PDB file of N, CA and C in Angstrom:
ATOM      1  N   MET A   1     -24.603 -28.042  21.909  1.00  0.00           N
ATOM      2  CA  MET A   1     -24.438 -27.625  20.548  1.00  0.00           C
ATOM      3  C   MET A   1     -22.969 -27.266  20.316  1.00  0.00           C
ATOM      4  N   PRO A   2     -22.323 -27.900  19.347  1.00  0.00           N
ATOM      5  CA  PRO A   2     -20.908 -27.623  19.112  1.00  0.00           C
ATOM      6  C   PRO A   2     -20.718 -26.254  18.457  1.00  0.00           C
ATOM      7  N   SER A   3     -19.585 -25.635  18.758  1.00  0.00           N
ATOM      8  CA  SER A   3     -19.268 -24.379  18.068  1.00  0.00           C
ATOM      9  C   SER A   3     -18.098 -24.634  17.144  1.00  0.00           C
ATOM     10  N   TYR A   4     -18.099 -23.943  16.025  1.00  0.00           N
ATOM     11  CA  TYR A   4     -17.063 -24.138  15.022  1.00  0.00           C
ATOM     12  C   TYR A   4     -16.273 -22.849  14.825  1.00  0.00           C
ATOM     13  N   SER A   5     -14.987 -22.988  14.856  1.00  0.00           N
ATOM     14  CA  SER A   5     -14.119 -21.900  14.412  1.00  0.00           C
ATOM     15  C   SER A   5     -13.750 -22.306  12.997  1.00  0.00           C
ATOM     16  N   SER A   6     -14.340 -21.667  12.035  1.00  0.00           N
ATOM     17  CA  SER A   6     -14.305 -22.202  10.679  1.00  0.00           C
ATOM     18  C   SER A   6     -13.142 -21.765   9.818  1.00  0.00           C
ATOM     19  N   SER A   7     -12.318 -20.841  10.267  1.00  0.00           N
ATOM     20  CA  SER A   7     -11.233 -20.449   9.385  1.00  0.00           C
ATOM     21  C   SER A   7     -10.117 -19.767  10.134  1.00  0.00           C
ATOM     22  N   VAL A   8      -9.009 -19.767   9.476  1.00  0.00           N
ATOM     23  CA  VAL A   8      -7.852 -18.993   9.896  1.00  0.00           C
ATOM     24  C   VAL A   8      -7.440 -18.209   8.663  1.00  0.00           C
ATOM     25  N   LEU A   9      -7.174 -16.946   8.820  1.00  0.00           N
ATOM     26  CA  LEU A   9      -6.726 -16.168   7.680  1.00  0.00           C
ATOM     27  C   LEU A   9      -5.217 -16.021   7.761  1.00  0.00           C
ATOM     28  N   ARG A  10      -4.540 -16.450   6.725  1.00  0.00           N
ATOM     29  CA  ARG A  10      -3.098 -16.305   6.620  1.00  0.00           C
ATOM     30  C   ARG A  10      -2.824 -15.469   5.387  1.00  0.00           C
ATOM     31  N   GLY A  11      -2.382 -14.232   5.605  1.00  0.00           N
ATOM     32  CA  GLY A  11      -2.217 -13.340   4.467  1.00  0.00           C
ATOM     33  C   GLY A  11      -3.580 -13.011   3.899  1.00  0.00           C
ATOM     34  N   ASP A  12      -3.761 -13.242   2.617  1.00  0.00           N
ATOM     35  CA  ASP A  12      -5.044 -12.987   1.973  1.00  0.00           C
ATOM     36  C   ASP A  12      -5.821 -14.266   1.703  1.00  0.00           C
ATOM     37  N   HIS A  13      -5.409 -15.360   2.307  1.00  0.00           N
ATOM     38  CA  HIS A  13      -5.991 -16.647   1.947  1.00  0.00           C
ATOM     39  C   HIS A  13      -6.839 -17.239   3.074  1.00  0.00           C
ATOM     40  N   PHE A  14      -7.938 -17.806   2.677  1.00  0.00           N
ATOM     41  CA  PHE A  14      -8.825 -18.523   3.581  1.00  0.00           C
ATOM     42  C   PHE A  14      -8.261 -19.923   3.796  1.00  0.00           C
ATOM     43  N   VAL A  15      -8.036 -20.285   5.034  1.00  0.00           N
ATOM     44  CA  VAL A  15      -7.544 -21.622   5.349  1.00  0.00           C
ATOM     45  C   VAL A  15      -8.493 -22.238   6.377  1.00  0.00           C
ATOM     46  N   PRO A  16      -9.314 -23.210   5.969  1.00  0.00           N
ATOM     47  CA  PRO A  16     -10.250 -23.798   6.925  1.00  0.00           C
ATOM     48  C   PRO A  16      -9.515 -24.653   7.959  1.00  0.00           C
ATOM     49  N   GLU A  17     -10.054 -24.658   9.153  1.00  0.00           N
ATOM     50  CA  GLU A  17      -9.503 -25.526  10.184  1.00  0.00           C
ATOM     51  C   GLU A  17      -9.931 -26.954   9.890  1.00  0.00           C
ATOM     52  N   ALA A  18      -9.075 -27.892  10.229  1.00  0.00           N
ATOM     53  CA  ALA A  18      -9.291 -29.303   9.882  1.00  0.00           C
ATOM     54  C   ALA A  18     -10.579 -29.858  10.485  1.00  0.00           C
ATOM     55  N   ASP A  19     -10.949 -29.412  11.670  1.00  0.00           N
ATOM     56  CA  ASP A  19     -12.126 -29.997  12.337  1.00  0.00           C
ATOM     57  C   ASP A  19     -13.415 -29.217  12.066  1.00  0.00           C
ATOM     58  N   SER A  20     -13.411 -28.318  11.092  1.00  0.00           N
ATOM     59  CA  SER A  20     -14.593 -27.510  10.784  1.00  0.00           C
ATOM     60  C   SER A  20     -15.623 -28.304   9.997  1.00  0.00           C
ATOM     61  N   ASP A  21     -16.841 -27.937  10.183  1.00  0.00           N
ATOM     62  CA  ASP A  21     -17.953 -28.502   9.420  1.00  0.00           C
ATOM     63  C   ASP A  21     -17.842 -27.985   7.983  1.00  0.00           C
ATOM     64  N   PRO A  22     -17.828 -28.868   6.968  1.00  0.00           N
ATOM     65  CA  PRO A  22     -17.703 -28.443   5.576  1.00  0.00           C
ATOM     66  C   PRO A  22     -18.786 -27.459   5.130  1.00  0.00           C
ATOM     67  N   ASN A  23     -20.001 -27.634   5.652  1.00  0.00           N
ATOM     68  CA  ASN A  23     -21.080 -26.710   5.292  1.00  0.00           C
ATOM     69  C   ASN A  23     -20.820 -25.309   5.828  1.00  0.00           C
ATOM     70  N   VAL A  24     -20.285 -25.245   7.032  1.00  0.00           N
ATOM     71  CA  VAL A  24     -19.946 -23.952   7.636  1.00  0.00           C
ATOM     72  C   VAL A  24     -18.818 -23.315   6.827  1.00  0.00           C
ATOM     73  N   GLN A  25     -17.831 -24.090   6.432  1.00  0.00           N
ATOM     74  CA  GLN A  25     -16.714 -23.592   5.626  1.00  0.00           C
ATOM     75  C   GLN A  25     -17.213 -23.014   4.297  1.00  0.00           C
ATOM     76  N   ARG A  26     -18.070 -23.749   3.625  1.00  0.00           N
ATOM     77  CA  ARG A  26     -18.601 -23.332   2.334  1.00  0.00           C
ATOM     78  C   ARG A  26     -19.385 -22.018   2.479  1.00  0.00           C
ATOM     79  N   LYS A  27     -20.219 -21.947   3.499  1.00  0.00           N
ATOM     80  CA  LYS A  27     -21.015 -20.750   3.733  1.00  0.00           C
ATOM     81  C   LYS A  27     -20.108 -19.552   4.036  1.00  0.00           C
ATOM     82  N   LEU A  28     -19.100 -19.783   4.857  1.00  0.00           N
ATOM     83  CA  LEU A  28     -18.172 -18.702   5.199  1.00  0.00           C
ATOM     84  C   LEU A  28     -17.385 -18.246   3.970  1.00  0.00           C
ATOM     85  N   ARG A  29     -16.939 -19.185   3.152  1.00  0.00           N
ATOM     86  CA  ARG A  29     -16.232 -18.814   1.919  1.00  0.00           C
ATOM     87  C   ARG A  29     -17.121 -17.955   1.023  1.00  0.00           C
ATOM     88  N   GLY A  30     -18.386 -18.308   0.941  1.00  0.00           N
ATOM     89  CA  GLY A  30     -19.332 -17.523   0.145  1.00  0.00           C
ATOM     90  C   GLY A  30     -19.473 -16.100   0.681  1.00  0.00           C
ATOM     91  N   HIS A  31     -19.571 -15.975   2.011  1.00  0.00           N
ATOM     92  CA  HIS A  31     -19.659 -14.645   2.619  1.00  0.00           C
ATOM     93  C   HIS A  31     -18.382 -13.849   2.361  1.00  0.00           C
ATOM     94  N   LEU A  32     -17.245 -14.506   2.528  1.00  0.00           N
ATOM     95  CA  LEU A  32     -15.963 -13.824   2.313  1.00  0.00           C
ATOM     96  C   LEU A  32     -15.805 -13.362   0.867  1.00  0.00           C
ATOM     97  N   GLU A  33     -16.263 -14.173  -0.076  1.00  0.00           N
ATOM     98  CA  GLU A  33     -16.205 -13.761  -1.482  1.00  0.00           C
ATOM     99  C   GLU A  33     -17.077 -12.539  -1.725  1.00  0.00           C
ATOM    100  N   LYS A  34     -18.261 -12.483  -1.112  1.00  0.00           N
ATOM    101  CA  LYS A  34     -19.128 -11.319  -1.259  1.00  0.00           C
ATOM    102  C   LYS A  34     -18.479 -10.081  -0.640  1.00  0.00           C
ATOM    103  N   ILE A  35     -17.873 -10.250   0.511  1.00  0.00           N
ATOM    104  CA  ILE A  35     -17.172  -9.141   1.171  1.00  0.00           C
ATOM    105  C   ILE A  35     -16.040  -8.649   0.274  1.00  0.00           C
ATOM    106  N   ASP A  36     -15.231  -9.576  -0.229  1.00  0.00           N
ATOM    107  CA  ASP A  36     -14.107  -9.191  -1.103  1.00  0.00           C
ATOM    108  C   ASP A  36     -14.602  -8.501  -2.359  1.00  0.00           C
ATOM    109  N   TYR A  37     -15.683  -8.986  -2.959  1.00  0.00           N
ATOM    110  CA  TYR A  37     -16.192  -8.355  -4.168  1.00  0.00           C
ATOM    111  C   TYR A  37     -16.722  -6.950  -3.870  1.00  0.00           C
ATOM    112  N   THR A  38     -17.383  -6.789  -2.731  1.00  0.00           N
ATOM    113  CA  THR A  38     -17.882  -5.469  -2.347  1.00  0.00           C
ATOM    114  C   THR A  38     -16.728  -4.490  -2.205  1.00  0.00           C
ATOM    115  N   ALA A  39     -15.650  -4.918  -1.562  1.00  0.00           N
ATOM    116  CA  ALA A  39     -14.470  -4.049  -1.409  1.00  0.00           C
ATOM    117  C   ALA A  39     -13.876  -3.740  -2.787  1.00  0.00           C
ATOM    118  N   PHE A  40     -13.779  -4.748  -3.648  1.00  0.00           N
ATOM    119  CA  PHE A  40     -13.246  -4.549  -5.003  1.00  0.00           C
ATOM    120  C   PHE A  40     -14.078  -3.537  -5.770  1.00  0.00           C
ATOM    121  N   ALA A  41     -15.389  -3.739  -5.797  1.00  0.00           N
ATOM    122  CA  ALA A  41     -16.279  -2.850  -6.557  1.00  0.00           C
ATOM    123  C   ALA A  41     -16.226  -1.422  -6.014  1.00  0.00           C
ATOM    124  N   SER A  42     -16.184  -1.286  -4.706  1.00  0.00           N
ATOM    125  CA  SER A  42     -16.108   0.037  -4.095  1.00  0.00           C
ATOM    126  C   SER A  42     -14.805   0.729  -4.466  1.00  0.00           C
ATOM    127  N   ASN A  43     -13.689   0.009  -4.335  1.00  0.00           N
ATOM    128  CA  ASN A  43     -12.393   0.579  -4.704  1.00  0.00           C
ATOM    129  C   ASN A  43     -12.359   0.982  -6.166  1.00  0.00           C
ATOM    130  N   ARG A  44     -12.848   0.121  -7.007  1.00  0.00           N
ATOM    131  CA  ARG A  44     -12.810   0.393  -8.441  1.00  0.00           C
ATOM    132  C   ARG A  44     -13.621   1.642  -8.785  1.00  0.00           C
ATOM    133  N   GLU A  45     -14.809   1.754  -8.218  1.00  0.00           N
ATOM    134  CA  GLU A  45     -15.666   2.894  -8.508  1.00  0.00           C
ATOM    135  C   GLU A  45     -15.068   4.195  -7.970  1.00  0.00           C
ATOM    136  N   ILE A  46     -14.688   4.202  -6.711  1.00  0.00           N
ATOM    137  CA  ILE A  46     -14.197   5.425  -6.078  1.00  0.00           C
ATOM    138  C   ILE A  46     -12.858   5.865  -6.670  1.00  0.00           C
ATOM    139  N   LEU A  47     -11.931   4.924  -6.834  1.00  0.00           N
ATOM    140  CA  LEU A  47     -10.614   5.274  -7.349  1.00  0.00           C
ATOM    141  C   LEU A  47     -10.666   5.709  -8.805  1.00  0.00           C
ATOM    142  N   ALA A  48     -11.516   5.071  -9.596  1.00  0.00           N
ATOM    143  CA  ALA A  48     -11.656   5.474 -11.001  1.00  0.00           C
ATOM    144  C   ALA A  48     -12.208   6.898 -11.094  1.00  0.00           C
ATOM    145  N   GLN A  49     -13.151   7.230 -10.229  1.00  0.00           N
ATOM    146  CA  GLN A  49     -13.706   8.599 -10.222  1.00  0.00           C
ATOM    147  C   GLN A  49     -12.652   9.613  -9.771  1.00  0.00           C
ATOM    148  N   ALA A  50     -11.899   9.251  -8.751  1.00  0.00           N
ATOM    149  CA  ALA A  50     -10.938  10.180  -8.176  1.00  0.00           C
ATOM    150  C   ALA A  50      -9.705  10.375  -9.060  1.00  0.00           C
ATOM    151  N   LEU A  51      -9.241   9.293  -9.691  1.00  0.00           N
ATOM    152  CA  LEU A  51      -7.973   9.358 -10.412  1.00  0.00           C
ATOM    153  C   LEU A  51      -8.094   9.226 -11.919  1.00  0.00           C
ATOM    154  N   GLY A  52      -9.165   8.627 -12.386  1.00  0.00           N
ATOM    155  CA  GLY A  52      -9.293   8.378 -13.821  1.00  0.00           C
ATOM    156  C   GLY A  52      -8.264   7.358 -14.278  1.00  0.00           C
ATOM    157  N   PRO A  53      -8.121   7.173 -15.580  1.00  0.00           N
ATOM    158  CA  PRO A  53      -7.132   6.214 -16.069  1.00  0.00           C
ATOM    159  C   PRO A  53      -5.719   6.741 -15.836  1.00  0.00           C
ATOM    160  N   VAL A  54      -4.796   5.843 -15.605  1.00  0.00           N
ATOM    161  CA  VAL A  54      -3.395   6.226 -15.421  1.00  0.00           C
ATOM    162  C   VAL A  54      -2.571   5.634 -16.559  1.00  0.00           C
ATOM    163  N   ASP A  55      -1.413   6.245 -16.786  1.00  0.00           N
ATOM    164  CA  ASP A  55      -0.547   5.760 -17.854  1.00  0.00           C
ATOM    165  C   ASP A  55       0.904   5.729 -17.370  1.00  0.00           C
ATOM    166  N   MET A  56       1.791   5.296 -18.258  1.00  0.00           N
ATOM    167  CA  MET A  56       3.186   5.163 -17.902  1.00  0.00           C
ATOM    168  C   MET A  56       3.788   6.513 -17.510  1.00  0.00           C
ATOM    169  N   GLU A  57       3.344   7.565 -18.155  1.00  0.00           N
ATOM    170  CA  GLU A  57       3.855   8.902 -17.843  1.00  0.00           C
ATOM    171  C   GLU A  57       3.573   9.282 -16.394  1.00  0.00           C
ATOM    172  N   ALA A  58       2.384   8.954 -15.910  1.00  0.00           N
ATOM    173  CA  ALA A  58       2.042   9.238 -14.513  1.00  0.00           C
ATOM    174  C   ALA A  58       2.959   8.472 -13.565  1.00  0.00           C
ATOM    175  N   PHE A  59       3.228   7.210 -13.891  1.00  0.00           N
ATOM    176  CA  PHE A  59       4.121   6.421 -13.034  1.00  0.00           C
ATOM    177  C   PHE A  59       5.554   6.929 -13.114  1.00  0.00           C
ATOM    178  N   GLN A  60       5.963   7.384 -14.278  1.00  0.00           N
ATOM    179  CA  GLN A  60       7.312   7.936 -14.392  1.00  0.00           C
ATOM    180  C   GLN A  60       7.446   9.213 -13.554  1.00  0.00           C
ATOM    181  N   ARG A  61       6.430  10.061 -13.598  1.00  0.00           N
ATOM    182  CA  ARG A  61       6.477  11.283 -12.774  1.00  0.00           C
ATOM    183  C   ARG A  61       6.581  10.930 -11.290  1.00  0.00           C
ATOM    184  N   MET A  62       5.814   9.943 -10.876  1.00  0.00           N
ATOM    185  CA  MET A  62       5.881   9.528  -9.470  1.00  0.00           C
ATOM    186  C   MET A  62       7.249   8.927  -9.131  1.00  0.00           C
ATOM    187  N   ALA A  63       7.789   8.145 -10.036  1.00  0.00           N
ATOM    188  CA  ALA A  63       9.103   7.530  -9.801  1.00  0.00           C
ATOM    189  C   ALA A  63      10.182   8.603  -9.688  1.00  0.00           C
ATOM    190  N   VAL A  64      10.112   9.614 -10.543  1.00  0.00           N
ATOM    191  CA  VAL A  64      11.076  10.713 -10.491  1.00  0.00           C
ATOM    192  C   VAL A  64      10.923  11.469  -9.172  1.00  0.00           C
ATOM    193  N   ALA A  65       9.689  11.725  -8.764  1.00  0.00           N
ATOM    194  CA  ALA A  65       9.465  12.422  -7.495  1.00  0.00           C
ATOM    195  C   ALA A  65      10.059  11.628  -6.328  1.00  0.00           C
ATOM    196  N   CYS A  66       9.901  10.309  -6.348  1.00  0.00           N
ATOM    197  CA  CYS A  66      10.487   9.459  -5.305  1.00  0.00           C
ATOM    198  C   CYS A  66      12.011   9.535  -5.325  1.00  0.00           C
ATOM    199  N   ALA A  67      12.592   9.486  -6.516  1.00  0.00           N
ATOM    200  CA  ALA A  67      14.044   9.540  -6.644  1.00  0.00           C
ATOM    201  C   ALA A  67      14.588  10.878  -6.171  1.00  0.00           C
ATOM    202  N   VAL A  68      13.916  11.968  -6.515  1.00  0.00           N
ATOM    203  CA  VAL A  68      14.348  13.294  -6.084  1.00  0.00           C
ATOM    204  C   VAL A  68      14.274  13.393  -4.562  1.00  0.00           C
ATOM    205  N   ALA A  69      13.182  12.931  -3.987  1.00  0.00           N
ATOM    206  CA  ALA A  69      13.021  12.988  -2.535  1.00  0.00           C
ATOM    207  C   ALA A  69      14.089  12.155  -1.822  1.00  0.00           C
ATOM    208  N   ARG A  70      14.377  10.972  -2.365  1.00  0.00           N
ATOM    209  CA  ARG A  70      15.427  10.132  -1.784  1.00  0.00           C
ATOM    210  C   ARG A  70      16.778  10.845  -1.857  1.00  0.00           C
ATOM    211  N   ALA A  71      17.080  11.437  -3.002  1.00  0.00           N
ATOM    212  CA  ALA A  71      18.350  12.135  -3.179  1.00  0.00           C
ATOM    213  C   ALA A  71      18.468  13.299  -2.191  1.00  0.00           C
ATOM    214  N   GLN A  72      17.391  14.056  -2.021  1.00  0.00           N
ATOM    215  CA  GLN A  72      17.428  15.180  -1.096  1.00  0.00           C
ATOM    216  C   GLN A  72      17.673  14.714   0.336  1.00  0.00           C
ATOM    217  N   TRP A  73      17.008  13.644   0.717  1.00  0.00           N
ATOM    218  CA  TRP A  73      17.143  13.094   2.060  1.00  0.00           C
ATOM    219  C   TRP A  73      18.576  12.634   2.328  1.00  0.00           C
ATOM    220  N   VAL A  74      19.112  11.829   1.416  1.00  0.00           N
ATOM    221  CA  VAL A  74      20.467  11.291   1.606  1.00  0.00           C
ATOM    222  C   VAL A  74      21.504  12.398   1.505  1.00  0.00           C
ATOM    223  N   LYS A  75      21.313  13.333   0.587  1.00  0.00           N
ATOM    224  CA  LYS A  75      22.252  14.454   0.456  1.00  0.00           C
ATOM    225  C   LYS A  75      22.292  15.251   1.749  1.00  0.00           C
ATOM    226  N   GLU A  76      21.130  15.497   2.337  1.00  0.00           N
ATOM    227  CA  GLU A  76      21.066  16.220   3.607  1.00  0.00           C
ATOM    228  C   GLU A  76      21.796  15.451   4.707  1.00  0.00           C
ATOM    229  N   ALA A  77      21.604  14.138   4.748  1.00  0.00           N
ATOM    230  CA  ALA A  77      22.292  13.323   5.761  1.00  0.00           C
ATOM    231  C   ALA A  77      23.806  13.383   5.567  1.00  0.00           C
ATOM    232  N   MET A  78      24.240  13.335   4.319  1.00  0.00           N
ATOM    233  CA  MET A  78      25.679  13.414   4.058  1.00  0.00           C
ATOM    234  C   MET A  78      26.236  14.779   4.456  1.00  0.00           C
ATOM    235  N   THR A  79      25.474  15.816   4.170  1.00  0.00           N
ATOM    236  CA  THR A  79      25.898  17.166   4.567  1.00  0.00           C
ATOM    237  C   THR A  79      26.000  17.272   6.082  1.00  0.00           C
ATOM    238  N   LEU A  80      25.005  16.766   6.777  1.00  0.00           N
ATOM    239  CA  LEU A  80      25.007  16.824   8.238  1.00  0.00           C
ATOM    240  C   LEU A  80      26.132  15.994   8.857  1.00  0.00           C
ATOM    241  N   SER A  81      26.519  14.948   8.169  1.00  0.00           N
ATOM    242  CA  SER A  81      27.540  14.060   8.731  1.00  0.00           C
ATOM    243  C   SER A  81      28.945  14.664   8.695  1.00  0.00           C
ATOM    244  N   THR A  82      29.105  15.804   8.008  1.00  0.00           N
ATOM    245  CA  THR A  82      30.429  16.426   7.978  1.00  0.00           C
ATOM    246  C   THR A  82      30.801  17.001   9.341  1.00  0.00           C
ATOM    247  N   GLU A  83      29.801  17.401  10.115  1.00  0.00           N
ATOM    248  CA  GLU A  83      30.049  17.910  11.473  1.00  0.00           C
ATOM    249  C   GLU A  83      29.003  17.340  12.430  1.00  0.00           C
ATOM    250  N   PRO A  84      29.040  16.016  12.683  1.00  0.00           N
ATOM    251  CA  PRO A  84      27.999  15.381  13.488  1.00  0.00           C
ATOM    252  C   PRO A  84      27.939  15.869  14.944  1.00  0.00           C
ATOM    253  N   ALA A  85      29.031  16.365  15.458  1.00  0.00           N
ATOM    254  CA  ALA A  85      29.025  16.837  16.844  1.00  0.00           C
ATOM    255  C   ALA A  85      28.250  18.131  17.009  1.00  0.00           C
ATOM    256  N   GLN A  86      28.020  18.825  15.924  1.00  0.00           N
ATOM    257  CA  GLN A  86      27.352  20.125  16.000  1.00  0.00           C
ATOM    258  C   GLN A  86      25.909  20.086  15.484  1.00  0.00           C
ATOM    259  N   LEU A  87      25.298  18.909  15.452  1.00  0.00           N
ATOM    260  CA  LEU A  87      23.930  18.800  14.946  1.00  0.00           C
ATOM    261  C   LEU A  87      22.953  19.524  15.862  1.00  0.00           C
ATOM    262  N   LYS A  88      22.029  20.223  15.232  1.00  0.00           N
ATOM    263  CA  LYS A  88      21.014  20.979  15.966  1.00  0.00           C
ATOM    264  C   LYS A  88      19.663  20.274  15.781  1.00  0.00           C
ATOM    265  N   PRO A  89      18.775  20.441  16.746  1.00  0.00           N
ATOM    266  CA  PRO A  89      17.449  19.794  16.639  1.00  0.00           C
ATOM    267  C   PRO A  89      16.713  20.135  15.352  1.00  0.00           C
ATOM    268  N   GLU A  90      16.826  21.370  14.880  1.00  0.00           N
ATOM    269  CA  GLU A  90      16.123  21.747  13.647  1.00  0.00           C
ATOM    270  C   GLU A  90      16.708  21.039  12.429  1.00  0.00           C
ATOM    271  N   GLN A  91      18.006  20.723  12.464  1.00  0.00           N
ATOM    272  CA  GLN A  91      18.619  19.978  11.366  1.00  0.00           C
ATOM    273  C   GLN A  91      18.092  18.533  11.337  1.00  0.00           C
ATOM    274  N   ILE A  92      17.983  17.946  12.510  1.00  0.00           N
ATOM    275  CA  ILE A  92      17.450  16.581  12.617  1.00  0.00           C
ATOM    276  C   ILE A  92      15.986  16.567  12.188  1.00  0.00           C
ATOM    277  N   LYS A  93      15.239  17.588  12.561  1.00  0.00           N
ATOM    278  CA  LYS A  93      13.828  17.682  12.153  1.00  0.00           C
ATOM    279  C   LYS A  93      13.725  17.771  10.638  1.00  0.00           C
ATOM    280  N   ARG A  94      14.569  18.585  10.021  1.00  0.00           N
ATOM    281  CA  ARG A  94      14.551  18.699   8.553  1.00  0.00           C
ATOM    282  C   ARG A  94      14.876  17.370   7.908  1.00  0.00           C
ATOM    283  N   LEU A  95      15.871  16.657   8.448  1.00  0.00           N
ATOM    284  CA  LEU A  95      16.243  15.356   7.914  1.00  0.00           C
ATOM    285  C   LEU A  95      15.065  14.372   8.031  1.00  0.00           C
ATOM    286  N   ALA A  96      14.413  14.397   9.182  1.00  0.00           N
ATOM    287  CA  ALA A  96      13.246  13.523   9.381  1.00  0.00           C
ATOM    288  C   ALA A  96      12.120  13.883   8.414  1.00  0.00           C
ATOM    289  N   ASP A  97      11.912  15.179   8.184  1.00  0.00           N
ATOM    290  CA  ASP A  97      10.876  15.619   7.236  1.00  0.00           C
ATOM    291  C   ASP A  97      11.195  15.143   5.818  1.00  0.00           C
ATOM    292  N   LEU A  98      12.476  15.216   5.435  1.00  0.00           N
ATOM    293  CA  LEU A  98      12.875  14.746   4.105  1.00  0.00           C
ATOM    294  C   LEU A  98      12.667  13.238   3.974  1.00  0.00           C
ATOM    295  N   ARG A  99      13.008  12.494   5.025  1.00  0.00           N
ATOM    296  CA  ARG A  99      12.787  11.040   5.001  1.00  0.00           C
ATOM    297  C   ARG A  99      11.301  10.735   4.898  1.00  0.00           C
ATOM    298  N   ASN A 100      10.503  11.437   5.662  1.00  0.00           N
ATOM    299  CA  ASN A 100       9.056  11.230   5.632  1.00  0.00           C
ATOM    300  C   ASN A 100       8.491  11.515   4.256  1.00  0.00           C
ATOM    301  N   THR A 101       8.972  12.581   3.614  1.00  0.00           N
ATOM    302  CA  THR A 101       8.526  12.900   2.256  1.00  0.00           C
ATOM    303  C   THR A 101       8.847  11.755   1.306  1.00  0.00           C
ATOM    304  N   TYR A 102      10.078  11.272   1.367  1.00  0.00           N
ATOM    305  CA  TYR A 102      10.478  10.145   0.516  1.00  0.00           C
ATOM    306  C   TYR A 102       9.593   8.926   0.787  1.00  0.00           C
ATOM    307  N   GLN A 103       9.391   8.593   2.053  1.00  0.00           N
ATOM    308  CA  GLN A 103       8.595   7.411   2.386  1.00  0.00           C
ATOM    309  C   GLN A 103       7.140   7.558   1.943  1.00  0.00           C
ATOM    310  N   GLU A 104       6.572   8.737   2.101  1.00  0.00           N
ATOM    311  CA  GLU A 104       5.191   8.961   1.670  1.00  0.00           C
ATOM    312  C   GLU A 104       5.047   8.847   0.157  1.00  0.00           C
ATOM    313  N   LEU A 105       5.982   9.432  -0.581  1.00  0.00           N
ATOM    314  CA  LEU A 105       5.927   9.334  -2.044  1.00  0.00           C
ATOM    315  C   LEU A 105       6.096   7.887  -2.509  1.00  0.00           C
ATOM    316  N   THR A 106       6.994   7.159  -1.860  1.00  0.00           N
ATOM    317  CA  THR A 106       7.217   5.758  -2.208  1.00  0.00           C
ATOM    318  C   THR A 106       5.970   4.924  -1.911  1.00  0.00           C
ATOM    319  N   ALA A 107       5.354   5.186  -0.774  1.00  0.00           N
ATOM    320  CA  ALA A 107       4.119   4.462  -0.419  1.00  0.00           C
ATOM    321  C   ALA A 107       3.004   4.763  -1.417  1.00  0.00           C
ATOM    322  N   ALA A 108       2.902   6.023  -1.850  1.00  0.00           N
ATOM    323  CA  ALA A 108       1.880   6.379  -2.844  1.00  0.00           C
ATOM    324  C   ALA A 108       2.139   5.670  -4.172  1.00  0.00           C
ATOM    325  N   TYR A 109       3.406   5.618  -4.574  1.00  0.00           N
ATOM    326  CA  TYR A 109       3.772   4.922  -5.812  1.00  0.00           C
ATOM    327  C   TYR A 109       3.374   3.448  -5.716  1.00  0.00           C
ATOM    328  N   GLU A 110       3.762   2.810  -4.637  1.00  0.00           N
ATOM    329  CA  GLU A 110       3.424   1.392  -4.451  1.00  0.00           C
ATOM    330  C   GLU A 110       1.911   1.191  -4.376  1.00  0.00           C
ATOM    331  N   GLY A 111       1.233   2.123  -3.735  1.00  0.00           N
ATOM    332  CA  GLY A 111      -0.225   2.048  -3.653  1.00  0.00           C
ATOM    333  C   GLY A 111      -0.877   2.148  -5.027  1.00  0.00           C
ATOM    334  N   ALA A 112      -0.402   3.076  -5.846  1.00  0.00           N
ATOM    335  CA  ALA A 112      -0.955   3.226  -7.204  1.00  0.00           C
ATOM    336  C   ALA A 112      -0.669   1.984  -8.037  1.00  0.00           C
ATOM    337  N   ARG A 113       0.538   1.434  -7.896  1.00  0.00           N
ATOM    338  CA  ARG A 113       0.879   0.215  -8.631  1.00  0.00           C
ATOM    339  C   ARG A 113      -0.048  -0.938  -8.230  1.00  0.00           C
ATOM    340  N   ARG A 114      -0.304  -1.043  -6.935  1.00  0.00           N
ATOM    341  CA  ARG A 114      -1.198  -2.092  -6.454  1.00  0.00           C
ATOM    342  C   ARG A 114      -2.623  -1.894  -6.950  1.00  0.00           C
ATOM    343  N   MET A 115      -3.051  -0.644  -7.063  1.00  0.00           N
ATOM    344  CA  MET A 115      -4.390  -0.365  -7.586  1.00  0.00           C
ATOM    345  C   MET A 115      -4.524  -0.850  -9.020  1.00  0.00           C
ATOM    346  N   VAL A 116      -3.493  -0.647  -9.827  1.00  0.00           N
ATOM    347  CA  VAL A 116      -3.507  -1.139 -11.208  1.00  0.00           C
ATOM    348  C   VAL A 116      -3.489  -2.662 -11.197  1.00  0.00           C
ATOM    349  N   GLU A 117      -2.618  -3.236 -10.382  1.00  0.00           N
ATOM    350  CA  GLU A 117      -2.486  -4.693 -10.315  1.00  0.00           C
ATOM    351  C   GLU A 117      -3.808  -5.358  -9.926  1.00  0.00           C
ATOM    352  N   ARG A 118      -4.532  -4.756  -9.008  1.00  0.00           N
ATOM    353  CA  ARG A 118      -5.791  -5.333  -8.543  1.00  0.00           C
ATOM    354  C   ARG A 118      -6.988  -4.982  -9.424  1.00  0.00           C
ATOM    355  N   GLY A 119      -6.773  -4.128 -10.418  1.00  0.00           N
ATOM    356  CA  GLY A 119      -7.852  -3.790 -11.333  1.00  0.00           C
ATOM    357  C   GLY A 119      -8.721  -2.650 -10.850  1.00  0.00           C
ATOM    358  N   TYR A 120      -8.283  -1.901  -9.851  1.00  0.00           N
ATOM    359  CA  TYR A 120      -9.063  -0.761  -9.357  1.00  0.00           C
ATOM    360  C   TYR A 120      -8.935   0.423 -10.308  1.00  0.00           C
ATOM    361  N   LEU A 121      -7.802   0.565 -10.951  1.00  0.00           N
ATOM    362  CA  LEU A 121      -7.560   1.652 -11.900  1.00  0.00           C
ATOM    363  C   LEU A 121      -7.323   1.068 -13.277  1.00  0.00           C
ATOM    364  N   SER A 122      -7.794   1.766 -14.282  1.00  0.00           N
ATOM    365  CA  SER A 122      -7.485   1.307 -15.637  1.00  0.00           C
ATOM    366  C   SER A 122      -6.155   1.922 -16.048  1.00  0.00           C
ATOM    367  N   PHE A 123      -5.330   1.111 -16.679  1.00  0.00           N
ATOM    368  CA  PHE A 123      -3.994   1.511 -17.095  1.00  0.00           C
ATOM    369  C   PHE A 123      -3.950   1.562 -18.602  1.00  0.00           C
ATOM    370  N   ARG A 124      -3.552   2.725 -19.097  1.00  0.00           N
ATOM    371  CA  ARG A 124      -3.369   2.874 -20.560  1.00  0.00           C
ATOM    372  C   ARG A 124      -1.885   2.696 -20.852  1.00  0.00           C
ATOM    373  N   GLY A 125      -1.535   1.542 -21.400  1.00  0.00           N
ATOM    374  CA  GLY A 125      -0.125   1.230 -21.611  1.00  0.00           C
ATOM    375  C   GLY A 125       0.401   1.598 -22.954  1.00  0.00           C
TER     376      GLY A 125
END
């Protein structure tokens, strides 16, 4: 009995292998569509309950928070660079904490944008 490896996933796309059985490919695509829809419906329901509709003001607040965090991080690095030979572990820890804050806020912003793009959140424009 032959075995079929029916797909390769590249990014978010289903790419069937050339030697796959077409019926197996079709069945797998159907399963993958059901899986994707289940994830979509779950995200939409949970995120809508947790966050409600979002608007431009919410994104602006997040963008400002990201900009402030970035400014604090870089300002701290510039301050520390005035006497690099005298850096203390707690100064480096503070710098790392500021960078982490900036990165987390940026990731949240991008995540929220992606939620709107994918239709998980309703956007009031």
